[in-house]
PDB file of N, CA and C in Angstrom:
ATOM      1  N   MET A   1      72.263  94.427  -7.250  1.00  0.00           N
ATOM      2  CA  MET A   1      72.040  93.935  -6.217  1.00  0.00           C
ATOM      3  C   MET A   1      72.744  94.301  -5.196  1.00  0.00           C
ATOM      4  N   THR A   2      72.226  94.138  -3.883  1.00  0.00           N
ATOM      5  CA  THR A   2      72.172  94.927  -2.919  1.00  0.00           C
ATOM      6  C   THR A   2      73.347  94.387  -1.905  1.00  0.00           C
ATOM      7  N   GLN A   3      75.023  95.279  -1.185  1.00  0.00           N
ATOM      8  CA  GLN A   3      75.551  95.192  -0.951  1.00  0.00           C
ATOM      9  C   GLN A   3      75.079  95.192   0.574  1.00  0.00           C
ATOM     10  N   THR A   4      73.841  94.650   0.982  1.00  0.00           N
ATOM     11  CA  THR A   4      73.976  94.574   2.598  1.00  0.00           C
ATOM     12  C   THR A   4      74.623  92.695   3.252  1.00  0.00           C
ATOM     13  N   GLY A   5      75.084  91.897   2.777  1.00  0.00           N
ATOM     14  CA  GLY A   5      75.524  90.974   2.909  1.00  0.00           C
ATOM     15  C   GLY A   5      74.602  90.248   3.309  1.00  0.00           C
ATOM     16  N   ASP A   6      75.162  89.390   4.239  1.00  0.00           N
ATOM     17  CA  ASP A   6      74.151  88.374   4.475  1.00  0.00           C
ATOM     18  C   ASP A   6      72.914  88.633   6.096  1.00  0.00           C
ATOM     19  N   GLU A   7      73.289  89.473   6.495  1.00  0.00           N
ATOM     20  CA  GLU A   7      72.630  90.234   7.677  1.00  0.00           C
ATOM     21  C   GLU A   7      71.458  89.869   8.048  1.00  0.00           C
ATOM     22  N   THR A   8      70.078  88.733   8.804  1.00  0.00           N
ATOM     23  CA  THR A   8      69.313  89.043   8.902  1.00  0.00           C
ATOM     24  C   THR A   8      68.689  90.080  10.117  1.00  0.00           C
ATOM     25  N   PRO A   9      67.893  91.077   9.893  1.00  0.00           N
ATOM     26  CA  PRO A   9      67.652  91.168  11.029  1.00  0.00           C
ATOM     27  C   PRO A   9      66.426  91.095  11.514  1.00  0.00           C
ATOM     28  N   ARG A  10      66.489  91.087  12.878  1.00  0.00           N
ATOM     29  CA  ARG A  10      64.924  90.495  12.786  1.00  0.00           C
ATOM     30  C   ARG A  10      64.172  91.722  13.471  1.00  0.00           C
ATOM     31  N   ALA A  11      63.212  92.296  14.114  1.00  0.00           N
ATOM     32  CA  ALA A  11      62.819  93.146  15.293  1.00  0.00           C
ATOM     33  C   ALA A  11      62.967  92.395  16.469  1.00  0.00           C
ATOM     34  N   SER A  12      62.606  92.867  17.335  1.00  0.00           N
ATOM     35  CA  SER A  12      62.687  92.310  18.962  1.00  0.00           C
ATOM     36  C   SER A  12      61.648  91.885  19.362  1.00  0.00           C
ATOM     37  N   PRO A  13      61.523  90.515  19.803  1.00  0.00           N
ATOM     38  CA  PRO A  13      59.952  89.750  20.721  1.00  0.00           C
ATOM     39  C   PRO A  13      59.408  91.003  21.311  1.00  0.00           C
ATOM     40  N   ASP A  14      59.989  92.080  22.162  1.00  0.00           N
ATOM     41  CA  ASP A  14      59.767  92.793  23.532  1.00  0.00           C
ATOM     42  C   ASP A  14      58.981  94.010  22.817  1.00  0.00           C
ATOM     43  N   VAL A  15      59.010  93.950  21.256  1.00  0.00           N
ATOM     44  CA  VAL A  15      58.296  95.583  20.816  1.00  0.00           C
ATOM     45  C   VAL A  15      57.075  94.564  19.792  1.00  0.00           C
ATOM     46  N   LEU A  16      55.643  95.874  20.481  1.00  0.00           N
ATOM     47  CA  LEU A  16      55.042  95.895  19.948  1.00  0.00           C
ATOM     48  C   LEU A  16      54.856  96.958  18.759  1.00  0.00           C
ATOM     49  N   ALA A  17      54.176  96.696  17.744  1.00  0.00           N
ATOM     50  CA  ALA A  17      54.052  98.365  16.692  1.00  0.00           C
ATOM     51  C   ALA A  17      52.582  97.893  16.344  1.00  0.00           C
ATOM     52  N   ALA A  18      52.415  99.097  15.882  1.00  0.00           N
ATOM     53  CA  ALA A  18      51.204  99.552  15.937  1.00  0.00           C
ATOM     54  C   ALA A  18      51.030 100.248  14.362  1.00  0.00           C
ATOM     55  N   HIS A  19      50.515  99.900  13.031  1.00  0.00           N
ATOM     56  CA  HIS A  19      51.038 100.711  11.556  1.00  0.00           C
ATOM     57  C   HIS A  19      50.134 101.159  11.318  1.00  0.00           C
ATOM     58  N   LEU A  20      50.618 102.689  11.696  1.00  0.00           N
ATOM     59  CA  LEU A  20      49.349 103.825  10.769  1.00  0.00           C
ATOM     60  C   LEU A  20      50.271 104.096   9.664  1.00  0.00           C
ATOM     61  N   GLU A  21      48.478 104.816   9.024  1.00  0.00           N
ATOM     62  CA  GLU A  21      48.506 105.974   7.344  1.00  0.00           C
ATOM     63  C   GLU A  21      50.054 106.394   7.762  1.00  0.00           C
ATOM     64  N   GLY A  22      51.145 105.461   6.378  1.00  0.00           N
ATOM     65  CA  GLY A  22      52.161 106.654   6.687  1.00  0.00           C
ATOM     66  C   GLY A  22      53.252 106.600   7.949  1.00  0.00           C
ATOM     67  N   GLU A  23      52.811 105.377   8.932  1.00  0.00           N
ATOM     68  CA  GLU A  23      53.826 105.439   9.966  1.00  0.00           C
ATOM     69  C   GLU A  23      53.849 104.317  11.380  1.00  0.00           C
ATOM     70  N   ALA A  24      54.665 103.575  11.757  1.00  0.00           N
ATOM     71  CA  ALA A  24      54.594 102.854  12.956  1.00  0.00           C
ATOM     72  C   ALA A  24      54.558 103.807  13.085  1.00  0.00           C
ATOM     73  N   VAL A  25      54.297 102.968  14.886  1.00  0.00           N
ATOM     74  CA  VAL A  25      53.845 103.345  16.587  1.00  0.00           C
ATOM     75  C   VAL A  25      54.909 102.361  17.341  1.00  0.00           C
ATOM     76  N   LEU A  26      56.259 101.907  18.056  1.00  0.00           N
ATOM     77  CA  LEU A  26      56.540 101.067  18.732  1.00  0.00           C
ATOM     78  C   LEU A  26      55.947 101.380  20.370  1.00  0.00           C
ATOM     79  N   LEU A  27      56.346 100.387  20.287  1.00  0.00           N
ATOM     80  CA  LEU A  27      56.666 100.751  21.995  1.00  0.00           C
ATOM     81  C   LEU A  27      57.466  99.174  22.363  1.00  0.00           C
ATOM     82  N   HIS A  28      58.208  99.187  22.825  1.00  0.00           N
ATOM     83  CA  HIS A  28      59.685  98.680  23.943  1.00  0.00           C
ATOM     84  C   HIS A  28      59.047  98.125  25.260  1.00  0.00           C
ATOM     85  N   LEU A  29      58.464  97.049  25.147  1.00  0.00           N
ATOM     86  CA  LEU A  29      57.834  96.664  26.880  1.00  0.00           C
ATOM     87  C   LEU A  29      58.682  96.649  27.845  1.00  0.00           C
ATOM     88  N   GLY A  30      59.834  95.634  27.354  1.00  0.00           N
ATOM     89  CA  GLY A  30      60.305  96.200  28.533  1.00  0.00           C
ATOM     90  C   GLY A  30      61.097  97.689  29.667  1.00  0.00           C
ATOM     91  N   THR A  31      60.954  98.592  28.081  1.00  0.00           N
ATOM     92  CA  THR A  31      61.287 100.322  28.715  1.00  0.00           C
ATOM     93  C   THR A  31      60.217 100.686  28.828  1.00  0.00           C
ATOM     94  N   LYS A  32      59.242 100.469  28.389  1.00  0.00           N
ATOM     95  CA  LYS A  32      57.994 101.425  28.118  1.00  0.00           C
ATOM     96  C   LYS A  32      57.926 102.538  27.890  1.00  0.00           C
ATOM     97  N   GLN A  33      58.959 102.396  26.775  1.00  0.00           N
ATOM     98  CA  GLN A  33      59.355 103.721  26.301  1.00  0.00           C
ATOM     99  C   GLN A  33      58.675 103.892  24.380  1.00  0.00           C
ATOM    100  N   TYR A  34      57.677 104.593  23.871  1.00  0.00           N
ATOM    101  CA  TYR A  34      57.552 104.764  22.617  1.00  0.00           C
ATOM    102  C   TYR A  34      57.856 104.752  20.883  1.00  0.00           C
ATOM    103  N   TYR A  35      57.917 105.255  20.282  1.00  0.00           N
ATOM    104  CA  TYR A  35      58.978 105.428  19.532  1.00  0.00           C
ATOM    105  C   TYR A  35      57.964 105.575  18.153  1.00  0.00           C
ATOM    106  N   ARG A  36      58.416 106.833  17.397  1.00  0.00           N
ATOM    107  CA  ARG A  36      57.220 106.549  16.244  1.00  0.00           C
ATOM    108  C   ARG A  36      58.737 106.489  14.530  1.00  0.00           C
ATOM    109  N   LEU A  37      57.566 105.862  13.588  1.00  0.00           N
ATOM    110  CA  LEU A  37      58.381 105.597  12.489  1.00  0.00           C
ATOM    111  C   LEU A  37      57.967 106.397  11.652  1.00  0.00           C
ATOM    112  N   ASN A  38      58.605 107.299  10.723  1.00  0.00           N
ATOM    113  CA  ASN A  38      58.201 108.106   9.171  1.00  0.00           C
ATOM    114  C   ASN A  38      57.888 106.444   8.236  1.00  0.00           C
ATOM    115  N   GLU A  39      57.207 107.269   6.944  1.00  0.00           N
ATOM    116  CA  GLU A  39      57.479 105.758   6.469  1.00  0.00           C
ATOM    117  C   GLU A  39      58.657 105.467   5.933  1.00  0.00           C
ATOM    118  N   THR A  40      59.745 105.331   5.611  1.00  0.00           N
ATOM    119  CA  THR A  40      60.586 105.135   5.344  1.00  0.00           C
ATOM    120  C   THR A  40      61.069 103.742   6.624  1.00  0.00           C
ATOM    121  N   GLY A  41      60.831 104.382   7.641  1.00  0.00           N
ATOM    122  CA  GLY A  41      61.476 103.157   8.603  1.00  0.00           C
ATOM    123  C   GLY A  41      60.146 102.390   9.602  1.00  0.00           C
ATOM    124  N   ALA A  42      58.611 102.547   8.996  1.00  0.00           N
ATOM    125  CA  ALA A  42      57.434 101.824   9.276  1.00  0.00           C
ATOM    126  C   ALA A  42      57.885  99.979   7.864  1.00  0.00           C
ATOM    127  N   VAL A  43      57.582 100.586   6.465  1.00  0.00           N
ATOM    128  CA  VAL A  43      58.430 100.233   5.596  1.00  0.00           C
ATOM    129  C   VAL A  43      59.578  98.708   6.213  1.00  0.00           C
ATOM    130  N   ILE A  44      60.842 100.014   6.029  1.00  0.00           N
ATOM    131  CA  ILE A  44      61.416  99.224   7.015  1.00  0.00           C
ATOM    132  C   ILE A  44      61.134  98.145   7.988  1.00  0.00           C
ATOM    133  N   TRP A  45      60.541  98.221   8.983  1.00  0.00           N
ATOM    134  CA  TRP A  45      59.847  97.412  10.405  1.00  0.00           C
ATOM    135  C   TRP A  45      58.946  96.413   9.725  1.00  0.00           C
ATOM    136  N   LYS A  46      58.066  96.699   8.678  1.00  0.00           N
ATOM    137  CA  LYS A  46      57.172  95.434   8.400  1.00  0.00           C
ATOM    138  C   LYS A  46      58.455  95.047   7.522  1.00  0.00           C
ATOM    139  N   GLY A  47      59.349  94.847   6.851  1.00  0.00           N
ATOM    140  CA  GLY A  47      59.527  94.116   6.398  1.00  0.00           C
ATOM    141  C   GLY A  47      60.887  93.234   7.770  1.00  0.00           C
ATOM    142  N   LEU A  48      60.869  93.412   8.426  1.00  0.00           N
ATOM    143  CA  LEU A  48      61.555  92.752   9.415  1.00  0.00           C
ATOM    144  C   LEU A  48      60.376  92.108  10.869  1.00  0.00           C
ATOM    145  N   GLU A  49      59.295  92.277  10.531  1.00  0.00           N
ATOM    146  CA  GLU A  49      58.500  91.741  10.722  1.00  0.00           C
ATOM    147  C   GLU A  49      57.911  90.262  10.346  1.00  0.00           C
ATOM    148  N   GLN A  50      57.829  90.770   8.891  1.00  0.00           N
ATOM    149  CA  GLN A  50      58.439  89.200   8.074  1.00  0.00           C
ATOM    150  C   GLN A  50      58.716  88.672   7.947  1.00  0.00           C
ATOM    151  N   GLY A  51      60.359  88.968   8.508  1.00  0.00           N
ATOM    152  CA  GLY A  51      61.105  87.787   7.885  1.00  0.00           C
ATOM    153  C   GLY A  51      61.952  88.044   7.345  1.00  0.00           C
ATOM    154  N   LEU A  52      62.203  89.004   6.278  1.00  0.00           N
ATOM    155  CA  LEU A  52      62.496  89.465   4.797  1.00  0.00           C
ATOM    156  C   LEU A  52      63.767  89.669   5.421  1.00  0.00           C
ATOM    157  N   ASP A  53      64.836  89.480   4.435  1.00  0.00           N
ATOM    158  CA  ASP A  53      66.434  90.396   4.768  1.00  0.00           C
ATOM    159  C   ASP A  53      66.279  90.853   4.170  1.00  0.00           C
ATOM    160  N   ALA A  54      67.720  91.574   4.194  1.00  0.00           N
ATOM    161  CA  ALA A  54      68.143  92.742   3.536  1.00  0.00           C
ATOM    162  C   ALA A  54      67.808  93.075   2.660  1.00  0.00           C
ATOM    163  N   SER A  55      68.337  92.137   1.405  1.00  0.00           N
ATOM    164  CA  SER A  55      67.800  92.977   0.144  1.00  0.00           C
ATOM    165  C   SER A  55      66.480  92.629  -0.024  1.00  0.00           C
ATOM    166  N   ALA A  56      65.724  92.389   0.644  1.00  0.00           N
ATOM    167  CA  ALA A  56      64.295  91.985  -0.012  1.00  0.00           C
ATOM    168  C   ALA A  56      63.607  93.428   0.946  1.00  0.00           C
ATOM    169  N   ILE A  57      64.558  93.676   1.987  1.00  0.00           N
ATOM    170  CA  ILE A  57      63.825  95.171   3.206  1.00  0.00           C
ATOM    171  C   ILE A  57      64.279  96.458   1.826  1.00  0.00           C
ATOM    172  N   VAL A  58      65.337  96.523   0.699  1.00  0.00           N
ATOM    173  CA  VAL A  58      66.537  97.850   0.766  1.00  0.00           C
ATOM    174  C   VAL A  58      65.374  97.515  -0.922  1.00  0.00           C
ATOM    175  N   ALA A  59      65.268  96.581  -1.557  1.00  0.00           N
ATOM    176  CA  ALA A  59      63.855  96.131  -2.998  1.00  0.00           C
ATOM    177  C   ALA A  59      63.213  97.031  -2.571  1.00  0.00           C
ATOM    178  N   GLU A  60      62.288  96.373  -1.481  1.00  0.00           N
ATOM    179  CA  GLU A  60      60.671  97.304  -1.340  1.00  0.00           C
ATOM    180  C   GLU A  60      61.099  98.733  -1.284  1.00  0.00           C
ATOM    181  N   LEU A  61      62.673  99.406  -0.279  1.00  0.00           N
ATOM    182  CA  LEU A  61      62.190 100.644   0.144  1.00  0.00           C
ATOM    183  C   LEU A  61      62.258 101.759  -1.654  1.00  0.00           C
ATOM    184  N   THR A  62      62.690 101.113  -1.975  1.00  0.00           N
ATOM    185  CA  THR A  62      63.799 101.740  -3.958  1.00  0.00           C
ATOM    186  C   THR A  62      62.304 100.926  -4.413  1.00  0.00           C
ATOM    187  N   ARG A  63      61.804 100.254  -4.814  1.00  0.00           N
ATOM    188  CA  ARG A  63      60.367 100.051  -5.035  1.00  0.00           C
ATOM    189  C   ARG A  63      58.801 101.166  -4.676  1.00  0.00           C
ATOM    190  N   GLU A  64      59.237 101.053  -3.615  1.00  0.00           N
ATOM    191  CA  GLU A  64      58.191 102.438  -2.148  1.00  0.00           C
ATOM    192  C   GLU A  64      58.219 103.910  -2.789  1.00  0.00           C
ATOM    193  N   PHE A  65      59.166 103.661  -2.661  1.00  0.00           N
ATOM    194  CA  PHE A  65      60.010 105.507  -2.939  1.00  0.00           C
ATOM    195  C   PHE A  65      60.502 105.700  -4.788  1.00  0.00           C
ATOM    196  N   GLU A  66      60.279 104.337  -5.335  1.00  0.00           N
ATOM    197  CA  GLU A  66      61.147 104.879  -6.235  1.00  0.00           C
ATOM    198  C   GLU A  66      62.430 106.358  -6.043  1.00  0.00           C
ATOM    199  N   VAL A  67      63.725 105.248  -5.582  1.00  0.00           N
ATOM    200  CA  VAL A  67      64.537 105.976  -4.992  1.00  0.00           C
ATOM    201  C   VAL A  67      65.807 104.905  -5.950  1.00  0.00           C
ATOM    202  N   ASP A  68      67.052 105.387  -6.153  1.00  0.00           N
ATOM    203  CA  ASP A  68      68.348 104.152  -6.361  1.00  0.00           C
ATOM    204  C   ASP A  68      68.252 103.515  -5.318  1.00  0.00           C
ATOM    205  N   PRO A  69      68.637 102.449  -4.876  1.00  0.00           N
ATOM    206  CA  PRO A  69      68.859 101.315  -4.547  1.00  0.00           C
ATOM    207  C   PRO A  69      69.891 101.960  -3.362  1.00  0.00           C
ATOM    208  N   LYS A  70      71.289 102.159  -4.059  1.00  0.00           N
ATOM    209  CA  LYS A  70      71.703 103.460  -3.216  1.00  0.00           C
ATOM    210  C   LYS A  70      71.430 103.914  -1.926  1.00  0.00           C
ATOM    211  N   ILE A  71      70.319 104.174  -2.354  1.00  0.00           N
ATOM    212  CA  ILE A  71      70.053 105.907  -1.594  1.00  0.00           C
ATOM    213  C   ILE A  71      69.294 104.761  -0.111  1.00  0.00           C
ATOM    214  N   ALA A  72      68.440 103.752  -0.934  1.00  0.00           N
ATOM    215  CA  ALA A  72      67.795 102.724  -0.292  1.00  0.00           C
ATOM    216  C   ALA A  72      68.517 102.070   0.357  1.00  0.00           C
ATOM    217  N   GLU A  73      69.459 101.873   0.483  1.00  0.00           N
ATOM    218  CA  GLU A  73      70.294 100.849   1.151  1.00  0.00           C
ATOM    219  C   GLU A  73      70.443 101.541   2.578  1.00  0.00           C
ATOM    220  N   SER A  74      71.850 102.853   2.275  1.00  0.00           N
ATOM    221  CA  SER A  74      71.915 103.304   2.783  1.00  0.00           C
ATOM    222  C   SER A  74      70.846 104.080   4.278  1.00  0.00           C
ATOM    223  N   GLU A  75      69.997 104.343   3.267  1.00  0.00           N
ATOM    224  CA  GLU A  75      68.599 104.707   4.430  1.00  0.00           C
ATOM    225  C   GLU A  75      68.862 103.293   5.285  1.00  0.00           C
ATOM    226  N   PHE A  76      67.977 102.401   4.756  1.00  0.00           N
ATOM    227  CA  PHE A  76      67.942 101.066   5.116  1.00  0.00           C
ATOM    228  C   PHE A  76      69.345 101.123   6.573  1.00  0.00           C
ATOM    229  N   ARG A  77      70.504 101.209   6.104  1.00  0.00           N
ATOM    230  CA  ARG A  77      71.258 100.928   7.075  1.00  0.00           C
ATOM    231  C   ARG A  77      71.329 102.057   8.506  1.00  0.00           C
ATOM    232  N   ARG A  78      70.865 103.431   8.511  1.00  0.00           N
ATOM    233  CA  ARG A  78      70.354 104.211   8.863  1.00  0.00           C
ATOM    234  C   ARG A  78      70.005 103.686  10.244  1.00  0.00           C
ATOM    235  N   THR A  79      68.918 103.224   9.152  1.00  0.00           N
ATOM    236  CA  THR A  79      67.359 103.127  10.089  1.00  0.00           C
ATOM    237  C   THR A  79      67.996 101.885  11.678  1.00  0.00           C
ATOM    238  N   LEU A  80      68.109 100.788  10.628  1.00  0.00           N
ATOM    239  CA  LEU A  80      69.375  99.488  11.726  1.00  0.00           C
ATOM    240  C   LEU A  80      69.479 100.019  12.481  1.00  0.00           C
ATOM    241  N   GLU A  81      70.627 100.868  12.188  1.00  0.00           N
ATOM    242  CA  GLU A  81      71.887 101.147  13.754  1.00  0.00           C
ATOM    243  C   GLU A  81      70.990 102.263  14.555  1.00  0.00           C
ATOM    244  N   GLU A  82      69.757 103.137  14.061  1.00  0.00           N
ATOM    245  CA  GLU A  82      68.992 103.528  15.427  1.00  0.00           C
ATOM    246  C   GLU A  82      68.178 103.224  16.046  1.00  0.00           C
ATOM    247  N   LEU A  83      67.392 101.913  15.265  1.00  0.00           N
ATOM    248  CA  LEU A  83      66.953 100.712  15.895  1.00  0.00           C
ATOM    249  C   LEU A  83      67.809  99.759  17.396  1.00  0.00           C
ATOM    250  N   ARG A  84      68.980  99.552  16.269  1.00  0.00           N
ATOM    251  CA  ARG A  84      70.114  99.049  17.539  1.00  0.00           C
ATOM    252  C   ARG A  84      70.087  99.616  18.381  1.00  0.00           C
ATOM    253  N   GLU A  85      70.285 100.521  18.816  1.00  0.00           N
ATOM    254  CA  GLU A  85      70.641 101.482  19.647  1.00  0.00           C
ATOM    255  C   GLU A  85      69.773 101.906  20.558  1.00  0.00           C
ATOM    256  N   ARG A  86      68.379 101.356  20.284  1.00  0.00           N
ATOM    257  CA  ARG A  86      67.585 101.435  20.883  1.00  0.00           C
ATOM    258  C   ARG A  86      67.494 100.775  21.709  1.00  0.00           C
ATOM    259  N   GLY A  87      67.562  99.488  21.243  1.00  0.00           N
ATOM    260  CA  GLY A  87      67.134  97.819  21.748  1.00  0.00           C
ATOM    261  C   GLY A  87      65.086  97.074  21.188  1.00  0.00           C
ATOM    262  N   LEU A  88      65.452  97.839  19.939  1.00  0.00           N
ATOM    263  CA  LEU A  88      64.430  97.560  19.317  1.00  0.00           C
ATOM    264  C   LEU A  88      64.662  96.234  17.779  1.00  0.00           C
ATOM    265  N   LEU A  89      65.748  95.908  17.649  1.00  0.00           N
ATOM    266  CA  LEU A  89      65.695  94.525  17.598  1.00  0.00           C
ATOM    267  C   LEU A  89      66.337  93.770  18.939  1.00  0.00           C
ATOM    268  N   ALA A  90      66.195  92.153  18.180  1.00  0.00           N
ATOM    269  CA  ALA A  90      66.478  90.971  18.096  1.00  0.00           C
ATOM    270  C   ALA A  90      68.079  90.535  18.144  1.00  0.00           C
ATOM    271  N   PRO A  91      68.861  90.211  19.376  1.00  0.00           N
ATOM    272  CA  PRO A  91      70.251  90.635  19.943  1.00  0.00           C
ATOM    273  C   PRO A  91      70.559  89.134  18.226  1.00  0.00           C
TER     274      PRO A  91
END
């Protein structure tokens, strides 16, 4: 079981996403800035859009990329921090 806590991050309603083959492109409507997410980021963003909790997203990363859960959790946390810094997550 992952140690992601009770945190349930959410995608900001100010962000539009287009899911492409192996990546996602985000547009922040407030800043008009575009962001490109790699495969890992795209899986995380899709989980956020679906309202999955942190544990479920980490489990999906583990399955999708066949990595150790600790590595998946570390990547999840790093990506969340970057998304927060850019204002792409709901407060």
